[in-house]
Amino acid sequence: MVAMLIIGLIVLAVYSAITSGMGTVRMARENLRATQILLDKMETIRLYDWDQLNNNFIAPSFIANYDVTNASTTAGVLYYGTVSIAPADTGT
């Protein structure tokens, strides 16, 4: 009887650990995808000159999907972002 209780607790602990681990991995993947999206936007800004940036060449807002193979913006995790470009204050 005591052995069954111990085995039950061990199974419950293992199941809880797996569930927690999967949640942690999911959050890490979502954070990594958000970092990739921001890096993509920054690289886009880096490649343009100042005239292109000032003429609203870059869209001020965007929606990116978590799954890059699925272009639909109706399913899954969506990332919403805005881009604001202004001259730097040089203090002069």
PDB file of N, CA and C in Angstrom:
ATOM      1  N   MET A   1       0.811  -1.189   0.000  1.00  0.00           N
ATOM      2  CA  MET A   1       0.000   0.000   0.000  1.00  0.00           C
ATOM      3  C   MET A   1       0.863   1.265   0.000  1.00  0.00           C
ATOM      4  N   VAL A   2       1.882   1.280   0.852  1.00  0.00           N
ATOM      5  CA  VAL A   2       2.784   2.421   0.912  1.00  0.00           C
ATOM      6  C   VAL A   2       3.581   2.522  -0.389  1.00  0.00           C
ATOM      7  N   ALA A   3       3.961   1.377  -0.938  1.00  0.00           N
ATOM      8  CA  ALA A   3       4.711   1.374  -2.198  1.00  0.00           C
ATOM      9  C   ALA A   3       3.876   1.963  -3.332  1.00  0.00           C
ATOM     10  N   MET A   4       2.594   1.649  -3.365  1.00  0.00           N
ATOM     11  CA  MET A   4       1.713   2.199  -4.402  1.00  0.00           C
ATOM     12  C   MET A   4       1.591   3.717  -4.256  1.00  0.00           C
ATOM     13  N   LEU A   5       1.531   4.203  -3.028  1.00  0.00           N
ATOM     14  CA  LEU A   5       1.464   5.637  -2.778  1.00  0.00           C
ATOM     15  C   LEU A   5       2.741   6.326  -3.255  1.00  0.00           C
ATOM     16  N   ILE A   6       3.874   5.733  -2.959  1.00  0.00           N
ATOM     17  CA  ILE A   6       5.154   6.301  -3.391  1.00  0.00           C
ATOM     18  C   ILE A   6       5.256   6.297  -4.914  1.00  0.00           C
ATOM     19  N   ILE A   7       4.871   5.195  -5.548  1.00  0.00           N
ATOM     20  CA  ILE A   7       4.896   5.121  -7.015  1.00  0.00           C
ATOM     21  C   ILE A   7       3.947   6.161  -7.616  1.00  0.00           C
ATOM     22  N   GLY A   8       2.775   6.321  -7.025  1.00  0.00           N
ATOM     23  CA  GLY A   8       1.824   7.323  -7.503  1.00  0.00           C
ATOM     24  C   GLY A   8       2.381   8.731  -7.406  1.00  0.00           C
ATOM     25  N   LEU A   9       3.053   9.038  -6.304  1.00  0.00           N
ATOM     26  CA  LEU A   9       3.660  10.358  -6.142  1.00  0.00           C
ATOM     27  C   LEU A   9       4.796  10.582  -7.136  1.00  0.00           C
ATOM     28  N   ILE A  10       5.570   9.546  -7.388  1.00  0.00           N
ATOM     29  CA  ILE A  10       6.661   9.663  -8.358  1.00  0.00           C
ATOM     30  C   ILE A  10       6.111   9.904  -9.758  1.00  0.00           C
ATOM     31  N   VAL A  11       5.071   9.165 -10.132  1.00  0.00           N
ATOM     32  CA  VAL A  11       4.453   9.356 -11.452  1.00  0.00           C
ATOM     33  C   VAL A  11       3.894  10.767 -11.567  1.00  0.00           C
ATOM     34  N   LEU A  12       3.243  11.245 -10.526  1.00  0.00           N
ATOM     35  CA  LEU A  12       2.697  12.598 -10.525  1.00  0.00           C
ATOM     36  C   LEU A  12       3.812  13.638 -10.646  1.00  0.00           C
ATOM     37  N   ALA A  13       4.912  13.431  -9.942  1.00  0.00           N
ATOM     38  CA  ALA A  13       6.035  14.364 -10.006  1.00  0.00           C
ATOM     39  C   ALA A  13       6.662  14.376 -11.399  1.00  0.00           C
ATOM     40  N   VAL A  14       6.817  13.204 -12.000  1.00  0.00           N
ATOM     41  CA  VAL A  14       7.394  13.133 -13.349  1.00  0.00           C
ATOM     42  C   VAL A  14       6.474  13.813 -14.358  1.00  0.00           C
ATOM     43  N   TYR A  15       5.181  13.570 -14.257  1.00  0.00           N
ATOM     44  CA  TYR A  15       4.217  14.199 -15.157  1.00  0.00           C
ATOM     45  C   TYR A  15       4.244  15.722 -15.001  1.00  0.00           C
ATOM     46  N   SER A  16       4.315  16.197 -13.771  1.00  0.00           N
ATOM     47  CA  SER A  16       4.388  17.638 -13.522  1.00  0.00           C
ATOM     48  C   SER A  16       5.672  18.232 -14.088  1.00  0.00           C
ATOM     49  N   ALA A  17       6.778  17.525 -13.943  1.00  0.00           N
ATOM     50  CA  ALA A  17       8.052  18.010 -14.469  1.00  0.00           C
ATOM     51  C   ALA A  17       8.022  18.091 -15.993  1.00  0.00           C
ATOM     52  N   ILE A  18       7.447  17.100 -16.641  1.00  0.00           N
ATOM     53  CA  ILE A  18       7.354  17.108 -18.103  1.00  0.00           C
ATOM     54  C   ILE A  18       6.461  18.255 -18.566  1.00  0.00           C
ATOM     55  N   THR A  19       5.332  18.458 -17.902  1.00  0.00           N
ATOM     56  CA  THR A  19       4.425  19.545 -18.261  1.00  0.00           C
ATOM     57  C   THR A  19       5.098  20.898 -18.083  1.00  0.00           C
ATOM     58  N   SER A  20       5.782  21.079 -16.986  1.00  0.00           N
ATOM     59  CA  SER A  20       6.490  22.330 -16.736  1.00  0.00           C
ATOM     60  C   SER A  20       7.607  22.545 -17.753  1.00  0.00           C
ATOM     61  N   GLY A  21       8.329  21.497 -18.072  1.00  0.00           N
ATOM     62  CA  GLY A  21       9.401  21.594 -19.062  1.00  0.00           C
ATOM     63  C   GLY A  21       8.889  21.958 -20.440  1.00  0.00           C
ATOM     64  N   MET A  22       7.757  21.381 -20.829  1.00  0.00           N
ATOM     65  CA  MET A  22       7.180  21.706 -22.137  1.00  0.00           C
ATOM     66  C   MET A  22       6.734  23.168 -22.185  1.00  0.00           C
ATOM     67  N   GLY A  23       6.178  23.668 -21.100  1.00  0.00           N
ATOM     68  CA  GLY A  23       5.778  25.076 -21.046  1.00  0.00           C
ATOM     69  C   GLY A  23       6.978  26.003 -21.139  1.00  0.00           C
ATOM     70  N   THR A  24       8.059  25.627 -20.481  1.00  0.00           N
ATOM     71  CA  THR A  24       9.279  26.427 -20.535  1.00  0.00           C
ATOM     72  C   THR A  24       9.864  26.437 -21.937  1.00  0.00           C
ATOM     73  N   VAL A  25       9.870  25.301 -22.600  1.00  0.00           N
ATOM     74  CA  VAL A  25      10.382  25.219 -23.973  1.00  0.00           C
ATOM     75  C   VAL A  25       9.516  26.043 -24.914  1.00  0.00           C
ATOM     76  N   ARG A  26       8.197  25.983 -24.742  1.00  0.00           N
ATOM     77  CA  ARG A  26       7.290  26.767 -25.586  1.00  0.00           C
ATOM     78  C   ARG A  26       7.558  28.263 -25.426  1.00  0.00           C
ATOM     79  N   MET A  27       7.726  28.715 -24.199  1.00  0.00           N
ATOM     80  CA  MET A  27       7.996  30.130 -23.947  1.00  0.00           C
ATOM     81  C   MET A  27       9.347  30.537 -24.533  1.00  0.00           C
ATOM     82  N   ALA A  28      10.344  29.676 -24.423  1.00  0.00           N
ATOM     83  CA  ALA A  28      11.655  29.977 -24.992  1.00  0.00           C
ATOM     84  C   ALA A  28      11.577  30.081 -26.512  1.00  0.00           C
ATOM     85  N   ARG A  29      10.799  29.216 -27.150  1.00  0.00           N
ATOM     86  CA  ARG A  29      10.637  29.280 -28.606  1.00  0.00           C
ATOM     87  C   ARG A  29       9.930  30.560 -29.026  1.00  0.00           C
ATOM     88  N   GLU A  30       8.900  30.956 -28.286  1.00  0.00           N
ATOM     89  CA  GLU A  30       8.188  32.191 -28.618  1.00  0.00           C
ATOM     90  C   GLU A  30       9.097  33.405 -28.439  1.00  0.00           C
ATOM     91  N   ASN A  31       9.902  33.414 -27.388  1.00  0.00           N
ATOM     92  CA  ASN A  31      10.845  34.516 -27.182  1.00  0.00           C
ATOM     93  C   ASN A  31      11.897  34.556 -28.280  1.00  0.00           C
ATOM     94  N   LEU A  32      12.378  33.399 -28.706  1.00  0.00           N
ATOM     95  CA  LEU A  32      13.359  33.343 -29.779  1.00  0.00           C
ATOM     96  C   LEU A  32      12.768  33.861 -31.082  1.00  0.00           C
ATOM     97  N   ARG A  33      11.537  33.487 -31.384  1.00  0.00           N
ATOM     98  CA  ARG A  33      10.881  33.976 -32.605  1.00  0.00           C
ATOM     99  C   ARG A  33      10.692  35.490 -32.548  1.00  0.00           C
ATOM    100  N   ALA A  34      10.324  36.029 -31.386  1.00  0.00           N
ATOM    101  CA  ALA A  34      10.186  37.482 -31.244  1.00  0.00           C
ATOM    102  C   ALA A  34      11.526  38.171 -31.469  1.00  0.00           C
ATOM    103  N   THR A  35      12.598  37.582 -30.969  1.00  0.00           N
ATOM    104  CA  THR A  35      13.929  38.137 -31.192  1.00  0.00           C
ATOM    105  C   THR A  35      14.292  38.112 -32.669  1.00  0.00           C
ATOM    106  N   GLN A  36      13.959  37.035 -33.367  1.00  0.00           N
ATOM    107  CA  GLN A  36      14.224  36.946 -34.798  1.00  0.00           C
ATOM    108  C   GLN A  36      13.451  38.011 -35.572  1.00  0.00           C
ATOM    109  N   ILE A  37      12.213  38.259 -35.194  1.00  0.00           N
ATOM    110  CA  ILE A  37      11.402  39.272 -35.878  1.00  0.00           C
ATOM    111  C   ILE A  37      12.016  40.653 -35.674  1.00  0.00           C
ATOM    112  N   LEU A  38      12.399  40.971 -34.436  1.00  0.00           N
ATOM    113  CA  LEU A  38      13.011  42.275 -34.171  1.00  0.00           C
ATOM    114  C   LEU A  38      14.341  42.424 -34.892  1.00  0.00           C
ATOM    115  N   LEU A  39      15.123  41.370 -34.944  1.00  0.00           N
ATOM    116  CA  LEU A  39      16.390  41.413 -35.664  1.00  0.00           C
ATOM    117  C   LEU A  39      16.160  41.649 -37.149  1.00  0.00           C
ATOM    118  N   ASP A  40      15.145  41.014 -37.716  1.00  0.00           N
ATOM    119  CA  ASP A  40      14.809  41.213 -39.121  1.00  0.00           C
ATOM    120  C   ASP A  40      14.441  42.671 -39.386  1.00  0.00           C
ATOM    121  N   LYS A  41      13.646  43.264 -38.512  1.00  0.00           N
ATOM    122  CA  LYS A  41      13.259  44.671 -38.684  1.00  0.00           C
ATOM    123  C   LYS A  41      14.469  45.590 -38.552  1.00  0.00           C
ATOM    124  N   MET A  42      15.346  45.322 -37.613  1.00  0.00           N
ATOM    125  CA  MET A  42      16.542  46.151 -37.443  1.00  0.00           C
ATOM    126  C   MET A  42      17.484  46.024 -38.633  1.00  0.00           C
ATOM    127  N   GLU A  43      17.632  44.832 -39.177  1.00  0.00           N
ATOM    128  CA  GLU A  43      18.469  44.651 -40.361  1.00  0.00           C
ATOM    129  C   GLU A  43      17.872  45.370 -41.562  1.00  0.00           C
ATOM    130  N   THR A  44      16.545  45.387 -41.665  1.00  0.00           N
ATOM    131  CA  THR A  44      15.888  46.121 -42.743  1.00  0.00           C
ATOM    132  C   THR A  44      16.197  47.602 -42.624  1.00  0.00           C
ATOM    133  N   ILE A  45      16.088  48.143 -41.429  1.00  0.00           N
ATOM    134  CA  ILE A  45      16.391  49.563 -41.216  1.00  0.00           C
ATOM    135  C   ILE A  45      17.854  49.845 -41.514  1.00  0.00           C
ATOM    136  N   ARG A  46      18.733  48.954 -41.131  1.00  0.00           N
ATOM    137  CA  ARG A  46      20.170  49.161 -41.341  1.00  0.00           C
ATOM    138  C   ARG A  46      20.529  49.244 -42.819  1.00  0.00           C
ATOM    139  N   LEU A  47      19.810  48.532 -43.666  1.00  0.00           N
ATOM    140  CA  LEU A  47      20.162  48.472 -45.081  1.00  0.00           C
ATOM    141  C   LEU A  47      19.690  49.677 -45.889  1.00  0.00           C
ATOM    142  N   TYR A  48      18.765  50.469 -45.358  1.00  0.00           N
ATOM    143  CA  TYR A  48      18.252  51.625 -46.095  1.00  0.00           C
ATOM    144  C   TYR A  48      19.020  52.881 -45.724  1.00  0.00           C
ATOM    145  N   ASP A  49      19.030  53.856 -46.660  1.00  0.00           N
ATOM    146  CA  ASP A  49      19.653  55.134 -46.330  1.00  0.00           C
ATOM    147  C   ASP A  49      18.613  56.052 -45.681  1.00  0.00           C
ATOM    148  N   TRP A  50      19.069  57.225 -45.223  1.00  0.00           N
ATOM    149  CA  TRP A  50      18.206  58.109 -44.446  1.00  0.00           C
ATOM    150  C   TRP A  50      17.017  58.624 -45.256  1.00  0.00           C
ATOM    151  N   ASP A  51      17.208  58.884 -46.554  1.00  0.00           N
ATOM    152  CA  ASP A  51      16.101  59.369 -47.383  1.00  0.00           C
ATOM    153  C   ASP A  51      14.994  58.323 -47.492  1.00  0.00           C
ATOM    154  N   GLN A  52      15.356  57.077 -47.634  1.00  0.00           N
ATOM    155  CA  GLN A  52      14.344  56.022 -47.703  1.00  0.00           C
ATOM    156  C   GLN A  52      13.601  55.885 -46.375  1.00  0.00           C
ATOM    157  N   LEU A  53      14.305  56.048 -45.279  1.00  0.00           N
ATOM    158  CA  LEU A  53      13.669  55.932 -43.971  1.00  0.00           C
ATOM    159  C   LEU A  53      12.720  57.096 -43.702  1.00  0.00           C
ATOM    160  N   ASN A  54      13.063  58.292 -44.161  1.00  0.00           N
ATOM    161  CA  ASN A  54      12.229  59.469 -43.920  1.00  0.00           C
ATOM    162  C   ASN A  54      10.998  59.521 -44.798  1.00  0.00           C
ATOM    163  N   ASN A  55      10.981  58.812 -45.902  1.00  0.00           N
ATOM    164  CA  ASN A  55       9.859  58.860 -46.836  1.00  0.00           C
ATOM    165  C   ASN A  55       8.838  57.756 -46.579  1.00  0.00           C
ATOM    166  N   ASN A  56       8.728  57.297 -45.348  1.00  0.00           N
ATOM    167  CA  ASN A  56       7.790  56.230 -44.980  1.00  0.00           C
ATOM    168  C   ASN A  56       7.962  54.989 -45.851  1.00  0.00           C
ATOM    169  N   PHE A  57       9.200  54.685 -46.186  1.00  0.00           N
ATOM    170  CA  PHE A  57       9.507  53.506 -46.990  1.00  0.00           C
ATOM    171  C   PHE A  57       9.245  52.229 -46.199  1.00  0.00           C
ATOM    172  N   ILE A  58       9.417  52.307 -44.891  1.00  0.00           N
ATOM    173  CA  ILE A  58       9.175  51.165 -44.010  1.00  0.00           C
ATOM    174  C   ILE A  58       7.799  51.343 -43.372  1.00  0.00           C
ATOM    175  N   ALA A  59       7.007  50.288 -43.392  1.00  0.00           N
ATOM    176  CA  ALA A  59       5.660  50.349 -42.812  1.00  0.00           C
ATOM    177  C   ALA A  59       5.754  50.645 -41.312  1.00  0.00           C
ATOM    178  N   PRO A  60       4.880  51.519 -40.790  1.00  0.00           N
ATOM    179  CA  PRO A  60       4.966  51.875 -39.366  1.00  0.00           C
ATOM    180  C   PRO A  60       4.489  50.772 -38.417  1.00  0.00           C
ATOM    181  N   SER A  61       3.759  49.788 -38.914  1.00  0.00           N
ATOM    182  CA  SER A  61       3.329  48.683 -38.056  1.00  0.00           C
ATOM    183  C   SER A  61       3.401  47.378 -38.844  1.00  0.00           C
ATOM    184  N   PHE A  62       3.476  46.284 -38.119  1.00  0.00           N
ATOM    185  CA  PHE A  62       3.576  44.980 -38.768  1.00  0.00           C
ATOM    186  C   PHE A  62       2.936  43.909 -37.900  1.00  0.00           C
ATOM    187  N   ILE A  63       2.581  42.813 -38.551  1.00  0.00           N
ATOM    188  CA  ILE A  63       2.089  41.609 -37.882  1.00  0.00           C
ATOM    189  C   ILE A  63       2.917  40.447 -38.411  1.00  0.00           C
ATOM    190  N   ALA A  64       3.508  39.680 -37.524  1.00  0.00           N
ATOM    191  CA  ALA A  64       4.308  38.526 -37.919  1.00  0.00           C
ATOM    192  C   ALA A  64       3.747  37.280 -37.242  1.00  0.00           C
ATOM    193  N   ASN A  65       3.760  36.193 -37.960  1.00  0.00           N
ATOM    194  CA  ASN A  65       3.245  34.927 -37.449  1.00  0.00           C
ATOM    195  C   ASN A  65       4.370  34.137 -36.795  1.00  0.00           C
ATOM    196  N   TYR A  66       4.038  33.372 -35.785  1.00  0.00           N
ATOM    197  CA  TYR A  66       5.028  32.516 -35.129  1.00  0.00           C
ATOM    198  C   TYR A  66       5.568  31.477 -36.103  1.00  0.00           C
ATOM    199  N   ASP A  67       4.670  30.902 -36.894  1.00  0.00           N
ATOM    200  CA  ASP A  67       5.047  29.882 -37.870  1.00  0.00           C
ATOM    201  C   ASP A  67       5.332  30.564 -39.200  1.00  0.00           C
ATOM    202  N   VAL A  68       6.601  30.614 -39.602  1.00  0.00           N
ATOM    203  CA  VAL A  68       6.959  31.325 -40.833  1.00  0.00           C
ATOM    204  C   VAL A  68       6.475  30.598 -42.081  1.00  0.00           C
ATOM    205  N   THR A  69       6.182  29.310 -41.989  1.00  0.00           N
ATOM    206  CA  THR A  69       5.698  28.586 -43.163  1.00  0.00           C
ATOM    207  C   THR A  69       4.214  28.821 -43.395  1.00  0.00           C
ATOM    208  N   ASN A  70       3.502  29.305 -42.380  1.00  0.00           N
ATOM    209  CA  ASN A  70       2.072  29.585 -42.496  1.00  0.00           C
ATOM    210  C   ASN A  70       1.892  31.097 -42.554  1.00  0.00           C
ATOM    211  N   ALA A  71       1.565  31.618 -43.735  1.00  0.00           N
ATOM    212  CA  ALA A  71       1.445  33.063 -43.911  1.00  0.00           C
ATOM    213  C   ALA A  71       0.128  33.616 -43.387  1.00  0.00           C
ATOM    214  N   SER A  72      -0.762  32.772 -42.932  1.00  0.00           N
ATOM    215  CA  SER A  72      -2.062  33.222 -42.437  1.00  0.00           C
ATOM    216  C   SER A  72      -1.888  34.004 -41.139  1.00  0.00           C
ATOM    217  N   THR A  73      -2.619  35.088 -41.010  1.00  0.00           N
ATOM    218  CA  THR A  73      -2.577  35.863 -39.770  1.00  0.00           C
ATOM    219  C   THR A  73      -3.834  35.629 -38.944  1.00  0.00           C
ATOM    220  N   THR A  74      -4.410  34.435 -39.079  1.00  0.00           N
ATOM    221  CA  THR A  74      -5.624  34.132 -38.327  1.00  0.00           C
ATOM    222  C   THR A  74      -5.432  33.008 -37.321  1.00  0.00           C
ATOM    223  N   ALA A  75      -4.314  32.322 -37.358  1.00  0.00           N
ATOM    224  CA  ALA A  75      -4.122  31.186 -36.458  1.00  0.00           C
ATOM    225  C   ALA A  75      -2.747  31.250 -35.813  1.00  0.00           C
ATOM    226  N   GLY A  76      -2.641  30.687 -34.642  1.00  0.00           N
ATOM    227  CA  GLY A  76      -1.363  30.612 -33.962  1.00  0.00           C
ATOM    228  C   GLY A  76      -1.010  31.903 -33.241  1.00  0.00           C
ATOM    229  N   VAL A  77       0.228  31.963 -32.779  1.00  0.00           N
ATOM    230  CA  VAL A  77       0.715  33.135 -32.061  1.00  0.00           C
ATOM    231  C   VAL A  77       1.053  34.220 -33.071  1.00  0.00           C
ATOM    232  N   LEU A  78       0.542  35.416 -32.843  1.00  0.00           N
ATOM    233  CA  LEU A  78       0.829  36.553 -33.708  1.00  0.00           C
ATOM    234  C   LEU A  78       1.623  37.585 -32.922  1.00  0.00           C
ATOM    235  N   TYR A  79       2.588  38.198 -33.591  1.00  0.00           N
ATOM    236  CA  TYR A  79       3.392  39.249 -32.991  1.00  0.00           C
ATOM    237  C   TYR A  79       3.033  40.562 -33.681  1.00  0.00           C
ATOM    238  N   TYR A  80       2.597  41.534 -32.902  1.00  0.00           N
ATOM    239  CA  TYR A  80       2.254  42.854 -33.417  1.00  0.00           C
ATOM    240  C   TYR A  80       3.370  43.810 -33.024  1.00  0.00           C
ATOM    241  N   GLY A  81       3.754  44.681 -33.954  1.00  0.00           N
ATOM    242  CA  GLY A  81       4.808  45.625 -33.643  1.00  0.00           C
ATOM    243  C   GLY A  81       4.646  46.923 -34.395  1.00  0.00           C
ATOM    244  N   THR A  82       5.306  47.944 -33.888  1.00  0.00           N
ATOM    245  CA  THR A  82       5.332  49.239 -34.556  1.00  0.00           C
ATOM    246  C   THR A  82       6.778  49.682 -34.695  1.00  0.00           C
ATOM    247  N   VAL A  83       7.027  50.444 -35.752  1.00  0.00           N
ATOM    248  CA  VAL A  83       8.357  50.972 -36.019  1.00  0.00           C
ATOM    249  C   VAL A  83       8.241  52.485 -36.045  1.00  0.00           C
ATOM    250  N   SER A  84       9.019  53.149 -35.223  1.00  0.00           N
ATOM    251  CA  SER A  84       9.032  54.606 -35.184  1.00  0.00           C
ATOM    252  C   SER A  84      10.455  55.074 -35.444  1.00  0.00           C
ATOM    253  N   ILE A  85      10.627  55.888 -36.477  1.00  0.00           N
ATOM    254  CA  ILE A  85      11.962  56.352 -36.856  1.00  0.00           C
ATOM    255  C   ILE A  85      12.011  57.863 -36.676  1.00  0.00           C
ATOM    256  N   ALA A  86      12.994  58.331 -35.921  1.00  0.00           N
ATOM    257  CA  ALA A  86      13.170  59.763 -35.675  1.00  0.00           C
ATOM    258  C   ALA A  86      14.662  60.061 -35.625  1.00  0.00           C
ATOM    259  N   PRO A  87      15.047  61.290 -35.974  1.00  0.00           N
ATOM    260  CA  PRO A  87      16.466  61.639 -35.890  1.00  0.00           C
ATOM    261  C   PRO A  87      16.960  61.586 -34.441  1.00  0.00           C
ATOM    262  N   ALA A  88      18.194  61.199 -34.280  1.00  0.00           N
ATOM    263  CA  ALA A  88      18.779  61.117 -32.944  1.00  0.00           C
ATOM    264  C   ALA A  88      19.093  62.513 -32.428  1.00  0.00           C
ATOM    265  N   ASP A  89      18.923  62.702 -31.136  1.00  0.00           N
ATOM    266  CA  ASP A  89      19.259  63.977 -30.509  1.00  0.00           C
ATOM    267  C   ASP A  89      20.757  63.982 -30.234  1.00  0.00           C
ATOM    268  N   THR A  90      21.464  64.841 -30.927  1.00  0.00           N
ATOM    269  CA  THR A  90      22.921  64.890 -30.764  1.00  0.00           C
ATOM    270  C   THR A  90      23.350  65.872 -29.689  1.00  0.00           C
ATOM    271  N   GLY A  91      22.397  66.592 -29.110  1.00  0.00           N
ATOM    272  CA  GLY A  91      22.723  67.503 -28.026  1.00  0.00           C
ATOM    273  C   GLY A  91      23.270  68.839 -28.483  1.00  0.00           C
ATOM    274  N   THR A  92      23.190  69.132 -29.779  1.00  0.00           N
ATOM    275  CA  THR A  92      23.714  70.425 -30.255  1.00  0.00           C
ATOM    276  C   THR A  92      22.601  71.369 -30.611  1.00  0.00           C
TER     277      THR A  92
END
